[in-house]
Amino acid sequence: MEKKLKKHLLQKKNILRIAFIILTLVSLWYWNGVMSVKNDHGITQATAVYYQPKNTVDVVMMGSSHIHYNINTGILWKDYGIASFDYSAAEQPLWITYHYLVEFCKNQKPKVMVLDLYSLANNKNDYQYDWIKPNILGMRFSLNKLQMLYDSVEIEKIGDYFPSIAVYHDRFSELTKEDFIYPFTINTEMQNFKGFAPSFETNSQVQPTWSQTQSGGMTLKQELYLQKIIDYTKKHDIELFLIVTPYVTTDEDELVYNRVKEIAAMNDIDFNSSNYDYDAIGLDFSRDFYDHSHLNFRGAEKFTNYLGKELKNRFDIPDRRGQEGYESWDRDYENIQEMMKGHT
């Protein structure tokens, strides 16, 4: 009888231990979701990558905020049948883009990578802290993330950004109702989100002119990571399309893009600076810009149609409309259309 009692007590203790472990893990999962920083400057884009149906994204668009402001994934889907994703973050340097690409290819096999190169002309520092948080907080913990931090943050500052709780532990005062339900809605929301985050503001700009014919202006670190991206895409049979999305460019910027043109030619890669094609895109500088650097929703529609034609003409990209497993792109289009209501 005593042995049976001891056995029963041991089983009860084991059940309590298991229940405690489960409760602890569930609590950590829930509060991590509640407390996590959420914004469309890169964090949500990076988070949503993990919820996309495996091996469904044919075209991944990467780079700075020019990508998620300027490229409407809903239009690429509805009008061109392209299953695309805007995987970008504000002011993203190429060393972070490289690690984003490695992360993306863990669950996807894109046919084409579209890489915007704005950051090459406008962010020259080896360590860029102004927008580092939107670039790192959405990526899950992995060896790749640690390597990205090593490339992006000085050793003595890593503790300011890793682990993530070091960044968001003081968010209690700004929590909203949405934060508390976020852990229960994240799966559906993120699967149907393809990264596009439009602006609905309008600020008139002056159409630029330039006369730069020289090339140069890239740092050693920039050239190194551009080549690493080129080599990675070739190794993984991904066609690379280097672009510059429309903005108010300058002679100093064009110096860099002329150098990119040389690198693209040496590596037999397509390059297109859409700053040469304002008229072909149909941009109206009085109505289509959010600021000097980003298009608004009207400009994004025009540029996306331009890009969709470029992609279809340059690459063999399948039309996925109506195919099983791609229903989330229909919902992405519908969600974008809902956002557009009341804006003309």
C-alpha atoms as a PDB file:
ATOM      1  CA  MET A   1       0.000   0.000   0.000  1.00  0.00           C
ATOM      2  CA  GLU A   2       2.823   2.368   0.897  1.00  0.00           C
ATOM      3  CA  LYS A   3       4.526   1.740  -2.449  1.00  0.00           C
ATOM      4  CA  LYS A   4       1.297   2.478  -4.313  1.00  0.00           C
ATOM      5  CA  LEU A   5       0.875   5.696  -2.356  1.00  0.00           C
ATOM      6  CA  LYS A   6       4.443   6.808  -3.126  1.00  0.00           C
ATOM      7  CA  LYS A   7       3.933   5.952  -6.786  1.00  0.00           C
ATOM      8  CA  HIS A   8       0.693   7.931  -6.846  1.00  0.00           C
ATOM      9  CA  LEU A   9       2.356  10.955  -5.217  1.00  0.00           C
ATOM     10  CA  LEU A  10       5.262  10.763  -7.660  1.00  0.00           C
ATOM     11  CA  GLN A  11       2.874  10.671 -10.618  1.00  0.00           C
ATOM     12  CA  LYS A  12       0.977  13.608  -9.185  1.00  0.00           C
ATOM     13  CA  LYS A  13       4.211  15.580  -8.762  1.00  0.00           C
ATOM     14  CA  ASN A  14       5.241  14.796 -12.342  1.00  0.00           C
ATOM     15  CA  ILE A  15       1.866  15.951 -13.626  1.00  0.00           C
ATOM     16  CA  LEU A  16       2.218  19.187 -11.655  1.00  0.00           C
ATOM     17  CA  ARG A  17       5.752  19.702 -13.010  1.00  0.00           C
ATOM     18  CA  ILE A  18       4.589  19.177 -16.586  1.00  0.00           C
ATOM     19  CA  ALA A  19       1.608  21.489 -16.044  1.00  0.00           C
ATOM     20  CA  PHE A  20       3.920  24.135 -14.588  1.00  0.00           C
ATOM     21  CA  ILE A  21       6.301  23.871 -17.563  1.00  0.00           C
ATOM     22  CA  ILE A  22       3.409  24.123 -20.031  1.00  0.00           C
ATOM     23  CA  LEU A  23       1.932  27.087 -18.177  1.00  0.00           C
ATOM     24  CA  THR A  24       5.318  28.819 -18.138  1.00  0.00           C
ATOM     25  CA  LEU A  25       5.865  28.281 -21.868  1.00  0.00           C
ATOM     26  CA  VAL A  26       2.358  29.483 -22.728  1.00  0.00           C
ATOM     27  CA  SER A  27       2.834  32.544 -20.531  1.00  0.00           C
ATOM     28  CA  LEU A  28       6.165  33.367 -22.179  1.00  0.00           C
ATOM     29  CA  TRP A  29       4.595  32.947 -25.623  1.00  0.00           C
ATOM     30  CA  TYR A  30       1.651  35.161 -24.741  1.00  0.00           C
ATOM     31  CA  TRP A  31       3.580  37.969 -23.057  1.00  0.00           C
ATOM     32  CA  ASN A  32       6.231  37.977 -25.749  1.00  0.00           C
ATOM     33  CA  GLY A  33       3.448  38.594 -28.274  1.00  0.00           C
ATOM     34  CA  VAL A  34       1.851  41.296 -26.128  1.00  0.00           C
ATOM     35  CA  MET A  35       5.072  43.165 -25.380  1.00  0.00           C
ATOM     36  CA  SER A  36       6.710  42.875 -28.803  1.00  0.00           C
ATOM     37  CA  VAL A  37       7.194  46.084 -30.785  1.00  0.00           C
ATOM     38  CA  LYS A  38       4.827  46.269 -33.752  1.00  0.00           C
ATOM     39  CA  ASN A  39       5.203  48.618 -36.705  1.00  0.00           C
ATOM     40  CA  ASP A  40       5.218  48.569 -40.492  1.00  0.00           C
ATOM     41  CA  HIS A  41       8.706  50.057 -40.807  1.00  0.00           C
ATOM     42  CA  GLY A  42      10.149  46.547 -41.030  1.00  0.00           C
ATOM     43  CA  ILE A  43       9.167  44.637 -37.904  1.00  0.00           C
ATOM     44  CA  THR A  44       5.796  43.430 -39.202  1.00  0.00           C
ATOM     45  CA  GLN A  45       7.319  42.588 -42.572  1.00  0.00           C
ATOM     46  CA  ALA A  46      10.011  40.448 -40.940  1.00  0.00           C
ATOM     47  CA  THR A  47       7.484  38.799 -38.616  1.00  0.00           C
ATOM     48  CA  ALA A  48       5.091  37.935 -41.454  1.00  0.00           C
ATOM     49  CA  VAL A  49       7.778  36.032 -43.354  1.00  0.00           C
ATOM     50  CA  TYR A  50       7.472  33.130 -40.914  1.00  0.00           C
ATOM     51  CA  TYR A  51       3.737  32.784 -41.556  1.00  0.00           C
ATOM     52  CA  GLN A  52       3.835  32.605 -45.346  1.00  0.00           C
ATOM     53  CA  PRO A  53       2.892  29.247 -46.891  1.00  0.00           C
ATOM     54  CA  LYS A  54       6.122  27.370 -47.517  1.00  0.00           C
ATOM     55  CA  ASN A  55       7.725  27.748 -50.960  1.00  0.00           C
ATOM     56  CA  THR A  56       4.970  29.981 -52.371  1.00  0.00           C
ATOM     57  CA  VAL A  57       6.737  33.337 -52.808  1.00  0.00           C
ATOM     58  CA  ASP A  58       8.045  33.623 -56.373  1.00  0.00           C
ATOM     59  CA  VAL A  59       9.348  37.208 -56.150  1.00  0.00           C
ATOM     60  CA  VAL A  60      10.830  38.695 -53.000  1.00  0.00           C
ATOM     61  CA  MET A  61      11.373  42.466 -52.929  1.00  0.00           C
ATOM     62  CA  MET A  62      14.115  43.573 -50.568  1.00  0.00           C
ATOM     63  CA  GLY A  63      15.904  46.702 -49.394  1.00  0.00           C
ATOM     64  CA  SER A  64      14.868  49.895 -47.644  1.00  0.00           C
ATOM     65  CA  SER A  65      11.433  51.350 -46.903  1.00  0.00           C
ATOM     66  CA  HIS A  66      11.219  52.271 -50.602  1.00  0.00           C
ATOM     67  CA  ILE A  67      10.119  48.672 -51.098  1.00  0.00           C
ATOM     68  CA  HIS A  68       7.182  48.509 -48.690  1.00  0.00           C
ATOM     69  CA  TYR A  69       6.046  52.078 -49.465  1.00  0.00           C
ATOM     70  CA  ASN A  70       6.359  51.826 -53.242  1.00  0.00           C
ATOM     71  CA  ILE A  71       5.471  48.264 -54.290  1.00  0.00           C
ATOM     72  CA  ASN A  72       1.841  47.193 -53.979  1.00  0.00           C
ATOM     73  CA  THR A  73       1.792  43.410 -53.612  1.00  0.00           C
ATOM     74  CA  GLY A  74      -1.961  43.392 -54.195  1.00  0.00           C
ATOM     75  CA  ILE A  75      -1.595  44.864 -57.694  1.00  0.00           C
ATOM     76  CA  LEU A  76       1.239  42.478 -58.572  1.00  0.00           C
ATOM     77  CA  TRP A  77      -1.088  39.648 -57.624  1.00  0.00           C
ATOM     78  CA  LYS A  78      -4.391  40.869 -59.072  1.00  0.00           C
ATOM     79  CA  ASP A  79      -3.088  42.231 -62.378  1.00  0.00           C
ATOM     80  CA  TYR A  80       0.007  40.092 -63.018  1.00  0.00           C
ATOM     81  CA  GLY A  81      -0.515  36.876 -61.026  1.00  0.00           C
ATOM     82  CA  ILE A  82       2.794  37.379 -59.188  1.00  0.00           C
ATOM     83  CA  ALA A  83       3.057  35.887 -55.700  1.00  0.00           C
ATOM     84  CA  SER A  84       5.342  38.505 -54.172  1.00  0.00           C
ATOM     85  CA  PHE A  85       6.421  39.716 -50.755  1.00  0.00           C
ATOM     86  CA  ASP A  86       7.892  43.058 -49.584  1.00  0.00           C
ATOM     87  CA  TYR A  87      10.623  41.949 -47.165  1.00  0.00           C
ATOM     88  CA  SER A  88      12.222  45.259 -46.244  1.00  0.00           C
ATOM     89  CA  ALA A  89      12.929  47.679 -43.414  1.00  0.00           C
ATOM     90  CA  ALA A  90      13.632  51.370 -42.985  1.00  0.00           C
ATOM     91  CA  GLU A  91      17.095  52.514 -44.145  1.00  0.00           C
ATOM     92  CA  GLN A  92      18.223  48.899 -44.437  1.00  0.00           C
ATOM     93  CA  PRO A  93      21.951  48.491 -45.219  1.00  0.00           C
ATOM     94  CA  LEU A  94      23.064  45.656 -47.486  1.00  0.00           C
ATOM     95  CA  TRP A  95      24.669  43.621 -44.706  1.00  0.00           C
ATOM     96  CA  ILE A  96      21.265  43.297 -43.068  1.00  0.00           C
ATOM     97  CA  THR A  97      19.639  42.601 -46.442  1.00  0.00           C
ATOM     98  CA  TYR A  98      22.102  39.756 -46.953  1.00  0.00           C
ATOM     99  CA  HIS A  99      21.068  38.094 -43.691  1.00  0.00           C
ATOM    100  CA  TYR A 100      17.395  38.745 -44.467  1.00  0.00           C
ATOM    101  CA  LEU A 101      17.910  36.859 -47.721  1.00  0.00           C
ATOM    102  CA  VAL A 102      19.490  33.912 -45.896  1.00  0.00           C
ATOM    103  CA  GLU A 103      16.565  33.920 -43.447  1.00  0.00           C
ATOM    104  CA  PHE A 104      13.983  34.110 -46.227  1.00  0.00           C
ATOM    105  CA  CYS A 105      15.439  31.141 -48.056  1.00  0.00           C
ATOM    106  CA  LYS A 106      14.983  28.889 -45.023  1.00  0.00           C
ATOM    107  CA  ASN A 107      11.293  28.467 -45.964  1.00  0.00           C
ATOM    108  CA  GLN A 108      11.008  29.925 -49.472  1.00  0.00           C
ATOM    109  CA  LYS A 109      12.573  29.294 -52.873  1.00  0.00           C
ATOM    110  CA  PRO A 110      12.048  32.580 -54.736  1.00  0.00           C
ATOM    111  CA  LYS A 111      12.611  32.660 -58.459  1.00  0.00           C
ATOM    112  CA  VAL A 112      13.473  36.371 -58.472  1.00  0.00           C
ATOM    113  CA  MET A 113      14.904  38.783 -55.908  1.00  0.00           C
ATOM    114  CA  VAL A 114      14.217  42.474 -56.538  1.00  0.00           C
ATOM    115  CA  LEU A 115      16.777  44.551 -54.627  1.00  0.00           C
ATOM    116  CA  ASP A 116      16.342  48.299 -54.153  1.00  0.00           C
ATOM    117  CA  LEU A 117      19.668  50.116 -53.768  1.00  0.00           C
ATOM    118  CA  TYR A 118      18.651  53.436 -52.231  1.00  0.00           C
ATOM    119  CA  SER A 119      20.607  52.702 -49.055  1.00  0.00           C
ATOM    120  CA  LEU A 120      23.879  52.500 -51.001  1.00  0.00           C
ATOM    121  CA  ALA A 121      23.627  56.168 -51.933  1.00  0.00           C
ATOM    122  CA  ASN A 122      22.219  57.485 -48.681  1.00  0.00           C
ATOM    123  CA  ASN A 123      23.680  55.456 -45.799  1.00  0.00           C
ATOM    124  CA  LYS A 124      27.460  55.256 -45.809  1.00  0.00           C
ATOM    125  CA  ASN A 125      28.242  54.416 -42.174  1.00  0.00           C
ATOM    126  CA  ASP A 126      29.355  50.885 -41.311  1.00  0.00           C
ATOM    127  CA  TYR A 127      27.063  50.972 -38.256  1.00  0.00           C
ATOM    128  CA  GLN A 128      23.663  52.580 -38.748  1.00  0.00           C
ATOM    129  CA  TYR A 129      21.805  52.939 -35.455  1.00  0.00           C
ATOM    130  CA  ASP A 130      19.023  55.391 -36.336  1.00  0.00           C
ATOM    131  CA  TRP A 131      16.773  52.660 -37.741  1.00  0.00           C
ATOM    132  CA  ILE A 132      18.419  49.525 -36.380  1.00  0.00           C
ATOM    133  CA  LYS A 133      15.426  48.397 -34.284  1.00  0.00           C
ATOM    134  CA  PRO A 134      12.947  47.966 -37.181  1.00  0.00           C
ATOM    135  CA  ASN A 135      15.658  45.954 -38.939  1.00  0.00           C
ATOM    136  CA  ILE A 136      16.309  43.419 -36.190  1.00  0.00           C
ATOM    137  CA  LEU A 137      13.253  42.990 -33.955  1.00  0.00           C
ATOM    138  CA  GLY A 138      11.087  41.009 -36.397  1.00  0.00           C
ATOM    139  CA  MET A 139      13.677  38.292 -37.054  1.00  0.00           C
ATOM    140  CA  ARG A 140      13.509  35.213 -34.870  1.00  0.00           C
ATOM    141  CA  PHE A 141      16.475  34.047 -32.833  1.00  0.00           C
ATOM    142  CA  SER A 142      18.949  31.987 -34.851  1.00  0.00           C
ATOM    143  CA  LEU A 143      22.634  31.759 -35.649  1.00  0.00           C
ATOM    144  CA  ASN A 144      21.883  33.877 -38.718  1.00  0.00           C
ATOM    145  CA  LYS A 145      20.439  36.642 -36.514  1.00  0.00           C
ATOM    146  CA  LEU A 146      23.494  36.575 -34.273  1.00  0.00           C
ATOM    147  CA  GLN A 147      25.716  36.893 -37.329  1.00  0.00           C
ATOM    148  CA  MET A 148      23.570  39.794 -38.565  1.00  0.00           C
ATOM    149  CA  LEU A 149      23.952  41.572 -35.227  1.00  0.00           C
ATOM    150  CA  TYR A 150      27.709  41.005 -35.323  1.00  0.00           C
ATOM    151  CA  ASP A 151      27.843  42.645 -38.774  1.00  0.00           C
ATOM    152  CA  SER A 152      25.506  45.500 -37.834  1.00  0.00           C
ATOM    153  CA  VAL A 153      26.257  46.518 -34.250  1.00  0.00           C
ATOM    154  CA  GLU A 154      29.500  47.279 -32.444  1.00  0.00           C
ATOM    155  CA  ILE A 155      30.307  44.591 -29.885  1.00  0.00           C
ATOM    156  CA  GLU A 156      29.868  46.845 -26.868  1.00  0.00           C
ATOM    157  CA  LYS A 157      26.346  47.808 -28.039  1.00  0.00           C
ATOM    158  CA  ILE A 158      24.911  44.373 -28.791  1.00  0.00           C
ATOM    159  CA  GLY A 159      23.366  44.202 -25.315  1.00  0.00           C
ATOM    160  CA  ASP A 160      21.196  47.196 -26.226  1.00  0.00           C
ATOM    161  CA  TYR A 161      19.426  45.159 -28.909  1.00  0.00           C
ATOM    162  CA  PHE A 162      19.724  41.510 -27.914  1.00  0.00           C
ATOM    163  CA  PRO A 163      17.770  39.741 -26.575  1.00  0.00           C
ATOM    164  CA  SER A 164      14.642  41.509 -27.790  1.00  0.00           C
ATOM    165  CA  ILE A 165      13.350  42.023 -24.259  1.00  0.00           C
ATOM    166  CA  ALA A 166      16.172  44.546 -23.849  1.00  0.00           C
ATOM    167  CA  VAL A 167      14.265  46.737 -26.308  1.00  0.00           C
ATOM    168  CA  TYR A 168      10.625  46.253 -25.383  1.00  0.00           C
ATOM    169  CA  HIS A 169      10.640  45.562 -21.640  1.00  0.00           C
ATOM    170  CA  ASP A 170       9.435  49.119 -20.940  1.00  0.00           C
ATOM    171  CA  ARG A 171       6.379  49.107 -23.228  1.00  0.00           C
ATOM    172  CA  PHE A 172       3.802  48.731 -20.418  1.00  0.00           C
ATOM    173  CA  SER A 173       2.741  52.377 -20.554  1.00  0.00           C
ATOM    174  CA  GLU A 174       1.893  52.217 -24.277  1.00  0.00           C
ATOM    175  CA  LEU A 175       0.080  48.874 -24.484  1.00  0.00           C
ATOM    176  CA  THR A 176      -3.316  48.863 -26.223  1.00  0.00           C
ATOM    177  CA  LYS A 177      -6.200  46.410 -26.511  1.00  0.00           C
ATOM    178  CA  GLU A 178      -4.740  45.225 -29.817  1.00  0.00           C
ATOM    179  CA  ASP A 179      -1.509  44.222 -28.087  1.00  0.00           C
ATOM    180  CA  PHE A 180      -3.381  41.879 -25.732  1.00  0.00           C
ATOM    181  CA  ILE A 181      -5.268  40.062 -28.513  1.00  0.00           C
ATOM    182  CA  TYR A 182      -2.296  40.052 -30.907  1.00  0.00           C
ATOM    183  CA  PRO A 183      -1.015  36.570 -29.880  1.00  0.00           C
ATOM    184  CA  PHE A 184      -4.368  35.054 -30.889  1.00  0.00           C
ATOM    185  CA  THR A 185      -4.697  36.863 -34.235  1.00  0.00           C
ATOM    186  CA  ILE A 186      -1.100  36.893 -35.427  1.00  0.00           C
ATOM    187  CA  ASN A 187      -1.293  33.688 -37.483  1.00  0.00           C
ATOM    188  CA  THR A 188      -4.136  34.859 -39.734  1.00  0.00           C
ATOM    189  CA  GLU A 189      -3.015  38.485 -39.904  1.00  0.00           C
ATOM    190  CA  MET A 190       0.566  37.692 -40.801  1.00  0.00           C
ATOM    191  CA  GLN A 191      -0.262  35.027 -43.370  1.00  0.00           C
ATOM    192  CA  ASN A 192      -2.465  37.504 -45.254  1.00  0.00           C
ATOM    193  CA  PHE A 193       0.065  40.342 -45.015  1.00  0.00           C
ATOM    194  CA  LYS A 194       2.621  40.587 -47.822  1.00  0.00           C
ATOM    195  CA  GLY A 195       4.525  43.631 -46.582  1.00  0.00           C
ATOM    196  CA  PHE A 196       2.984  46.583 -48.452  1.00  0.00           C
ATOM    197  CA  ALA A 197       2.545  49.588 -46.118  1.00  0.00           C
ATOM    198  CA  PRO A 198       1.340  52.589 -48.151  1.00  0.00           C
ATOM    199  CA  SER A 199       1.284  56.247 -47.194  1.00  0.00           C
ATOM    200  CA  PHE A 200      -1.869  58.277 -47.812  1.00  0.00           C
ATOM    201  CA  GLU A 201      -0.244  61.682 -47.413  1.00  0.00           C
ATOM    202  CA  THR A 202       0.632  63.931 -50.354  1.00  0.00           C
ATOM    203  CA  ASN A 203       3.534  66.367 -50.456  1.00  0.00           C
ATOM    204  CA  SER A 204       4.418  68.000 -53.762  1.00  0.00           C
ATOM    205  CA  GLN A 205       8.009  67.561 -54.964  1.00  0.00           C
ATOM    206  CA  VAL A 206      10.171  69.157 -57.652  1.00  0.00           C
ATOM    207  CA  GLN A 207      11.197  66.759 -60.406  1.00  0.00           C
ATOM    208  CA  PRO A 208      14.985  66.434 -60.217  1.00  0.00           C
ATOM    209  CA  THR A 209      17.597  66.851 -62.917  1.00  0.00           C
ATOM    210  CA  TRP A 210      21.189  65.652 -62.814  1.00  0.00           C
ATOM    211  CA  SER A 211      24.211  65.352 -65.095  1.00  0.00           C
ATOM    212  CA  GLN A 212      26.439  62.855 -63.291  1.00  0.00           C
ATOM    213  CA  THR A 213      28.497  60.615 -65.590  1.00  0.00           C
ATOM    214  CA  GLN A 214      31.188  59.446 -63.167  1.00  0.00           C
ATOM    215  CA  SER A 215      30.910  56.329 -60.993  1.00  0.00           C
ATOM    216  CA  GLY A 216      31.964  55.601 -57.417  1.00  0.00           C
ATOM    217  CA  GLY A 217      30.841  56.561 -53.935  1.00  0.00           C
ATOM    218  CA  MET A 218      30.338  53.070 -52.480  1.00  0.00           C
ATOM    219  CA  THR A 219      32.119  52.022 -49.305  1.00  0.00           C
ATOM    220  CA  LEU A 220      34.193  48.839 -49.097  1.00  0.00           C
ATOM    221  CA  LYS A 221      31.584  47.223 -46.834  1.00  0.00           C
ATOM    222  CA  GLN A 222      28.802  48.080 -49.269  1.00  0.00           C
ATOM    223  CA  GLU A 223      30.648  46.578 -52.233  1.00  0.00           C
ATOM    224  CA  LEU A 224      31.496  43.468 -50.197  1.00  0.00           C
ATOM    225  CA  TYR A 225      27.881  42.783 -49.245  1.00  0.00           C
ATOM    226  CA  LEU A 226      26.493  43.559 -52.677  1.00  0.00           C
ATOM    227  CA  GLN A 227      28.830  40.916 -54.030  1.00  0.00           C
ATOM    228  CA  LYS A 228      27.826  38.491 -51.272  1.00  0.00           C
ATOM    229  CA  ILE A 229      24.175  38.932 -52.281  1.00  0.00           C
ATOM    230  CA  ILE A 230      25.069  38.416 -55.940  1.00  0.00           C
ATOM    231  CA  ASP A 231      27.014  35.244 -55.118  1.00  0.00           C
ATOM    232  CA  TYR A 232      24.266  33.894 -52.856  1.00  0.00           C
ATOM    233  CA  THR A 233      21.528  34.374 -55.444  1.00  0.00           C
ATOM    234  CA  LYS A 234      23.625  32.697 -58.147  1.00  0.00           C
ATOM    235  CA  LYS A 235      24.385  29.751 -55.865  1.00  0.00           C
ATOM    236  CA  HIS A 236      20.677  29.291 -55.095  1.00  0.00           C
ATOM    237  CA  ASP A 237      19.409  29.825 -58.669  1.00  0.00           C
ATOM    238  CA  ILE A 238      17.644  33.085 -57.835  1.00  0.00           C
ATOM    239  CA  GLU A 239      17.550  35.696 -60.588  1.00  0.00           C
ATOM    240  CA  LEU A 240      18.612  39.057 -59.170  1.00  0.00           C
ATOM    241  CA  PHE A 241      17.053  42.293 -60.380  1.00  0.00           C
ATOM    242  CA  LEU A 242      18.766  45.441 -59.083  1.00  0.00           C
ATOM    243  CA  ILE A 243      16.543  48.515 -59.068  1.00  0.00           C
ATOM    244  CA  VAL A 244      16.240  52.054 -57.799  1.00  0.00           C
ATOM    245  CA  THR A 245      12.639  53.006 -57.084  1.00  0.00           C
ATOM    246  CA  PRO A 246      11.541  56.572 -57.949  1.00  0.00           C
ATOM    247  CA  TYR A 247      12.531  59.430 -55.663  1.00  0.00           C
ATOM    248  CA  VAL A 248      14.097  62.884 -55.866  1.00  0.00           C
ATOM    249  CA  THR A 249      17.613  61.761 -56.711  1.00  0.00           C
ATOM    250  CA  THR A 250      20.788  63.881 -56.907  1.00  0.00           C
ATOM    251  CA  ASP A 251      24.108  63.942 -58.742  1.00  0.00           C
ATOM    252  CA  GLU A 252      25.778  62.490 -55.647  1.00  0.00           C
ATOM    253  CA  ASP A 253      23.317  59.588 -55.616  1.00  0.00           C
ATOM    254  CA  GLU A 254      23.725  58.984 -59.329  1.00  0.00           C
ATOM    255  CA  LEU A 255      27.479  58.601 -58.786  1.00  0.00           C
ATOM    256  CA  VAL A 256      26.702  55.477 -56.763  1.00  0.00           C
ATOM    257  CA  TYR A 257      24.125  54.114 -59.186  1.00  0.00           C
ATOM    258  CA  ASN A 258      26.595  54.457 -62.044  1.00  0.00           C
ATOM    259  CA  ARG A 259      28.945  52.246 -60.028  1.00  0.00           C
ATOM    260  CA  VAL A 260      26.121  49.755 -59.467  1.00  0.00           C
ATOM    261  CA  LYS A 261      25.546  49.713 -63.213  1.00  0.00           C
ATOM    262  CA  GLU A 262      29.186  48.659 -63.696  1.00  0.00           C
ATOM    263  CA  ILE A 263      28.937  45.905 -61.060  1.00  0.00           C
ATOM    264  CA  ALA A 264      25.698  44.616 -62.605  1.00  0.00           C
ATOM    265  CA  ALA A 265      27.309  44.464 -66.037  1.00  0.00           C
ATOM    266  CA  MET A 266      30.343  42.599 -64.687  1.00  0.00           C
ATOM    267  CA  ASN A 267      28.048  40.013 -63.065  1.00  0.00           C
ATOM    268  CA  ASP A 268      25.556  39.804 -65.960  1.00  0.00           C
ATOM    269  CA  ILE A 269      22.684  41.041 -63.783  1.00  0.00           C
ATOM    270  CA  ASP A 270      19.715  43.200 -64.768  1.00  0.00           C
ATOM    271  CA  PHE A 271      19.733  46.749 -63.382  1.00  0.00           C
ATOM    272  CA  ASN A 272      17.038  49.386 -63.726  1.00  0.00           C
ATOM    273  CA  SER A 273      17.017  52.823 -62.136  1.00  0.00           C
ATOM    274  CA  SER A 274      13.424  53.959 -62.529  1.00  0.00           C
ATOM    275  CA  ASN A 275      14.604  57.550 -61.973  1.00  0.00           C
ATOM    276  CA  TYR A 276      15.238  57.526 -65.717  1.00  0.00           C
ATOM    277  CA  ASP A 277      11.619  56.541 -66.400  1.00  0.00           C
ATOM    278  CA  TYR A 278       9.437  59.103 -64.616  1.00  0.00           C
ATOM    279  CA  ASP A 279       7.413  59.703 -67.779  1.00  0.00           C
ATOM    280  CA  ALA A 280       7.035  56.008 -68.583  1.00  0.00           C
ATOM    281  CA  ILE A 281       5.772  55.413 -65.051  1.00  0.00           C
ATOM    282  CA  GLY A 282       3.439  58.401 -65.365  1.00  0.00           C
ATOM    283  CA  LEU A 283       4.513  60.038 -62.110  1.00  0.00           C
ATOM    284  CA  ASP A 284       2.990  63.368 -61.174  1.00  0.00           C
ATOM    285  CA  PHE A 285       5.408  65.073 -58.788  1.00  0.00           C
ATOM    286  CA  SER A 286       2.613  67.241 -57.419  1.00  0.00           C
ATOM    287  CA  ARG A 287       0.384  64.319 -56.380  1.00  0.00           C
ATOM    288  CA  ASP A 288       2.272  61.010 -56.241  1.00  0.00           C
ATOM    289  CA  PHE A 289       4.815  61.532 -53.447  1.00  0.00           C
ATOM    290  CA  TYR A 290       4.622  61.200 -49.674  1.00  0.00           C
ATOM    291  CA  ASP A 291       7.984  62.943 -49.260  1.00  0.00           C
ATOM    292  CA  HIS A 292      11.090  63.497 -51.391  1.00  0.00           C
ATOM    293  CA  SER A 293      12.107  59.868 -50.862  1.00  0.00           C
ATOM    294  CA  HIS A 294       8.852  57.853 -50.917  1.00  0.00           C
ATOM    295  CA  LEU A 295       5.840  57.522 -53.164  1.00  0.00           C
ATOM    296  CA  ASN A 296       2.352  57.685 -51.702  1.00  0.00           C
ATOM    297  CA  PHE A 297      -0.395  55.175 -52.521  1.00  0.00           C
ATOM    298  CA  ARG A 298      -1.103  56.796 -55.919  1.00  0.00           C
ATOM    299  CA  GLY A 299       2.548  56.781 -56.908  1.00  0.00           C
ATOM    300  CA  ALA A 300       2.906  53.209 -55.637  1.00  0.00           C
ATOM    301  CA  GLU A 301       0.078  52.076 -57.914  1.00  0.00           C
ATOM    302  CA  LYS A 302       1.778  53.629 -60.937  1.00  0.00           C
ATOM    303  CA  PHE A 303       5.212  52.302 -60.094  1.00  0.00           C
ATOM    304  CA  THR A 304       3.896  48.815 -59.278  1.00  0.00           C
ATOM    305  CA  ASN A 305       2.246  48.570 -62.685  1.00  0.00           C
ATOM    306  CA  TYR A 306       5.520  49.647 -64.266  1.00  0.00           C
ATOM    307  CA  LEU A 307       7.439  47.070 -62.209  1.00  0.00           C
ATOM    308  CA  GLY A 308       4.942  44.299 -62.925  1.00  0.00           C
ATOM    309  CA  LYS A 309       5.468  44.728 -66.660  1.00  0.00           C
ATOM    310  CA  GLU A 310       9.249  44.822 -66.179  1.00  0.00           C
ATOM    311  CA  LEU A 311       9.194  41.607 -64.179  1.00  0.00           C
ATOM    312  CA  LYS A 312       6.988  39.799 -66.687  1.00  0.00           C
ATOM    313  CA  ASN A 313       9.143  40.948 -69.612  1.00  0.00           C
ATOM    314  CA  ARG A 314      12.474  40.087 -68.007  1.00  0.00           C
ATOM    315  CA  PHE A 315      11.768  36.874 -66.086  1.00  0.00           C
ATOM    316  CA  ASP A 316       9.779  33.659 -66.388  1.00  0.00           C
ATOM    317  CA  ILE A 317       7.411  34.119 -63.454  1.00  0.00           C
ATOM    318  CA  PRO A 318       4.349  31.840 -63.215  1.00  0.00           C
ATOM    319  CA  ASP A 319       0.814  33.168 -62.870  1.00  0.00           C
ATOM    320  CA  ARG A 320      -0.421  31.746 -59.568  1.00  0.00           C
ATOM    321  CA  ARG A 321      -3.947  33.180 -59.623  1.00  0.00           C
ATOM    322  CA  GLY A 322      -6.485  30.466 -58.822  1.00  0.00           C
ATOM    323  CA  GLN A 323      -3.884  27.929 -57.709  1.00  0.00           C
ATOM    324  CA  GLU A 324      -4.387  26.036 -54.462  1.00  0.00           C
ATOM    325  CA  GLY A 325      -2.250  27.328 -51.624  1.00  0.00           C
ATOM    326  CA  TYR A 326      -2.218  30.942 -52.811  1.00  0.00           C
ATOM    327  CA  GLU A 327      -5.486  32.085 -51.269  1.00  0.00           C
ATOM    328  CA  SER A 328      -3.675  34.421 -48.869  1.00  0.00           C
ATOM    329  CA  TRP A 329      -2.677  36.642 -51.802  1.00  0.00           C
ATOM    330  CA  ASP A 330      -6.351  37.093 -52.616  1.00  0.00           C
ATOM    331  CA  ARG A 331      -6.907  38.189 -49.032  1.00  0.00           C
ATOM    332  CA  ASP A 332      -3.887  40.501 -49.171  1.00  0.00           C
ATOM    333  CA  TYR A 333      -5.400  42.208 -52.221  1.00  0.00           C
ATOM    334  CA  GLU A 334      -8.780  42.505 -50.478  1.00  0.00           C
ATOM    335  CA  ASN A 335      -7.163  43.959 -47.344  1.00  0.00           C
ATOM    336  CA  ILE A 336      -5.274  46.532 -49.411  1.00  0.00           C
ATOM    337  CA  GLN A 337      -8.455  47.482 -51.250  1.00  0.00           C
ATOM    338  CA  GLU A 338     -10.139  48.002 -47.887  1.00  0.00           C
ATOM    339  CA  MET A 339      -7.295  50.306 -46.812  1.00  0.00           C
ATOM    340  CA  MET A 340      -7.707  52.296 -49.999  1.00  0.00           C
ATOM    341  CA  LYS A 341     -11.374  53.106 -49.377  1.00  0.00           C
ATOM    342  CA  GLY A 342     -11.892  56.849 -49.052  1.00  0.00           C
ATOM    343  CA  HIS A 343      -8.560  57.685 -50.710  1.00  0.00           C
ATOM    344  CA  THR A 344      -8.395  58.931 -54.279  1.00  0.00           C
END
